[in-house]
Amino acid sequence: MSTNYHIGDSVTQHGDGNIGMIKSQTSADPGSALQEMTRLVQLLRERVTSEDRQAIDESMRAIGTGQNVDKGTMRQALSRIAGIAALVGEVGVPVIGAVRAVMAGFGIPT
């Protein structure tokens, strides 16, 4: 008896002009993505300066629950958080991924 295992994507392309595939690994629920980002941001706060903590807190207040927030305001706040996360190195990597998931979940272009 043989067993076949397949791990990863299976793609079949037909015709000309195929240039790639779109993948989305984000939460279907924007609220869940925001909750996860909030959890990770709290961990990040412990690793940054008081000035960066203040910037994070201001950004999180601007985002709030994500409901009825202007997309431009939300994008700016998320970009600020991602920028701080990028500066701290490996500790910030999960936050950057979570920010991207929130942006995708709320339909905010990157």
Protein backbone atom coordinates (compact mmCIF):
# COMPACT_ATOMS: atom_id res chain seq x y z
CA MET A 1 0.00 0.00 0.00
CA SER A 2 1.36 3.41 -0.89
CA THR A 3 0.39 6.74 0.56
CA ASN A 4 0.75 10.01 -1.27
CA TYR A 5 1.17 13.27 0.58
CA HIS A 6 0.85 16.71 -0.90
CA ILE A 7 1.88 19.75 1.06
CA GLY A 8 1.57 23.20 -0.44
CA ASP A 9 -0.20 24.75 -3.37
CA SER A 10 -1.52 22.86 -6.33
CA VAL A 11 -1.89 25.12 -9.35
CA THR A 12 -3.18 24.38 -12.84
CA GLN A 13 -2.85 27.11 -15.45
CA HIS A 14 -4.50 27.22 -18.84
CA GLY A 15 -3.83 29.65 -21.68
CA ASP A 16 -1.29 32.39 -22.22
CA GLY A 17 -0.45 35.36 -20.06
CA ASN A 18 -0.48 33.70 -16.65
CA ILE A 19 1.92 35.62 -14.46
CA GLY A 20 1.33 34.31 -10.97
CA MET A 21 -1.15 33.52 -8.28
CA ILE A 22 -2.82 35.61 -5.64
CA LYS A 23 -2.62 34.25 -2.14
CA SER A 24 -4.20 35.60 0.97
CA GLN A 25 -3.33 34.30 4.40
CA THR A 26 -5.21 36.89 6.36
CA SER A 27 -8.03 36.57 8.79
CA ALA A 28 -11.45 36.56 7.19
CA ASP A 29 -12.61 38.54 10.21
CA PRO A 30 -11.04 42.01 10.45
CA GLY A 31 -11.93 42.16 14.14
CA SER A 32 -9.91 39.02 14.86
CA ALA A 33 -6.96 40.40 12.90
CA LEU A 34 -7.15 43.62 14.93
CA GLN A 35 -7.30 41.70 18.21
CA GLU A 36 -4.21 39.70 17.27
CA MET A 37 -2.37 42.85 16.24
CA THR A 38 -3.33 44.51 19.53
CA ARG A 39 -1.93 41.54 21.46
CA LEU A 40 1.34 41.68 19.55
CA VAL A 41 1.59 45.46 19.87
CA GLN A 42 1.33 45.12 23.65
CA LEU A 43 4.37 42.83 23.57
CA LEU A 44 6.19 45.29 21.32
CA ARG A 45 5.51 48.17 23.73
CA GLU A 46 7.72 46.44 26.31
CA ARG A 47 10.70 46.66 23.94
CA VAL A 48 10.59 50.27 22.78
CA THR A 49 11.43 53.70 24.16
CA SER A 50 8.89 55.83 25.99
CA GLU A 51 8.60 58.05 22.89
CA ASP A 52 7.78 55.04 20.73
CA ARG A 53 5.30 53.78 23.33
CA GLN A 54 3.56 57.13 23.17
CA ALA A 55 3.42 56.95 19.35
CA ILE A 56 2.05 53.41 19.55
CA ASP A 57 -0.60 54.46 22.07
CA GLU A 58 -1.67 57.41 19.92
CA SER A 59 -1.89 55.16 16.87
CA MET A 60 -3.90 52.51 18.70
CA ARG A 61 -6.33 55.18 19.94
CA ALA A 62 -6.75 56.43 16.37
CA ILE A 63 -7.55 52.88 15.23
CA GLY A 64 -9.88 52.10 18.13
CA THR A 65 -12.11 49.15 17.26
CA GLY A 66 -11.60 49.76 13.55
CA GLN A 67 -15.25 50.64 13.09
CA ASN A 68 -16.14 54.00 11.55
CA VAL A 69 -12.48 54.98 11.20
CA ASP A 70 -11.44 56.83 8.06
CA LYS A 71 -9.26 54.47 5.99
CA GLY A 72 -6.62 57.16 5.55
CA THR A 73 -6.42 57.70 9.30
CA MET A 74 -6.24 53.97 9.92
CA ARG A 75 -3.56 53.48 7.27
CA GLN A 76 -1.45 56.26 8.76
CA ALA A 77 -1.74 54.80 12.27
CA LEU A 78 -0.94 51.28 11.06
CA SER A 79 2.03 52.56 9.07
CA ARG A 80 3.37 54.30 12.17
CA ILE A 81 3.11 51.08 14.20
CA ALA A 82 4.74 49.04 11.41
CA GLY A 83 7.57 51.57 11.19
CA ILE A 84 8.32 51.29 14.89
CA ALA A 85 8.13 47.50 14.64
CA ALA A 86 10.58 47.51 11.74
CA LEU A 87 13.10 49.54 13.75
CA VAL A 88 13.26 47.04 16.62
CA GLY A 89 14.21 44.13 14.40
CA GLU A 90 13.12 40.52 14.95
CA VAL A 91 10.81 41.39 17.84
CA GLY A 92 8.77 43.56 15.49
CA VAL A 93 8.39 41.06 12.64
CA PRO A 94 5.14 39.50 13.96
CA VAL A 95 3.67 42.98 14.42
CA ILE A 96 4.43 43.87 10.81
CA GLY A 97 2.63 40.72 9.64
CA ALA A 98 -0.32 41.53 11.90
CA VAL A 99 -0.48 45.09 10.55
CA ARG A 100 -0.64 43.69 7.02
CA ALA A 101 -3.45 41.33 8.06
CA VAL A 102 -5.42 44.22 9.56
CA MET A 103 -4.92 46.28 6.42
CA ALA A 104 -6.14 43.40 4.27
CA GLY A 105 -9.06 42.69 6.58
CA PHE A 106 -10.27 46.28 6.51
CA GLY A 107 -9.59 46.70 2.79
CA ILE A 108 -6.81 49.24 3.22
CA PRO A 109 -4.35 49.27 0.31
CA THR A 110 -0.67 48.72 1.07
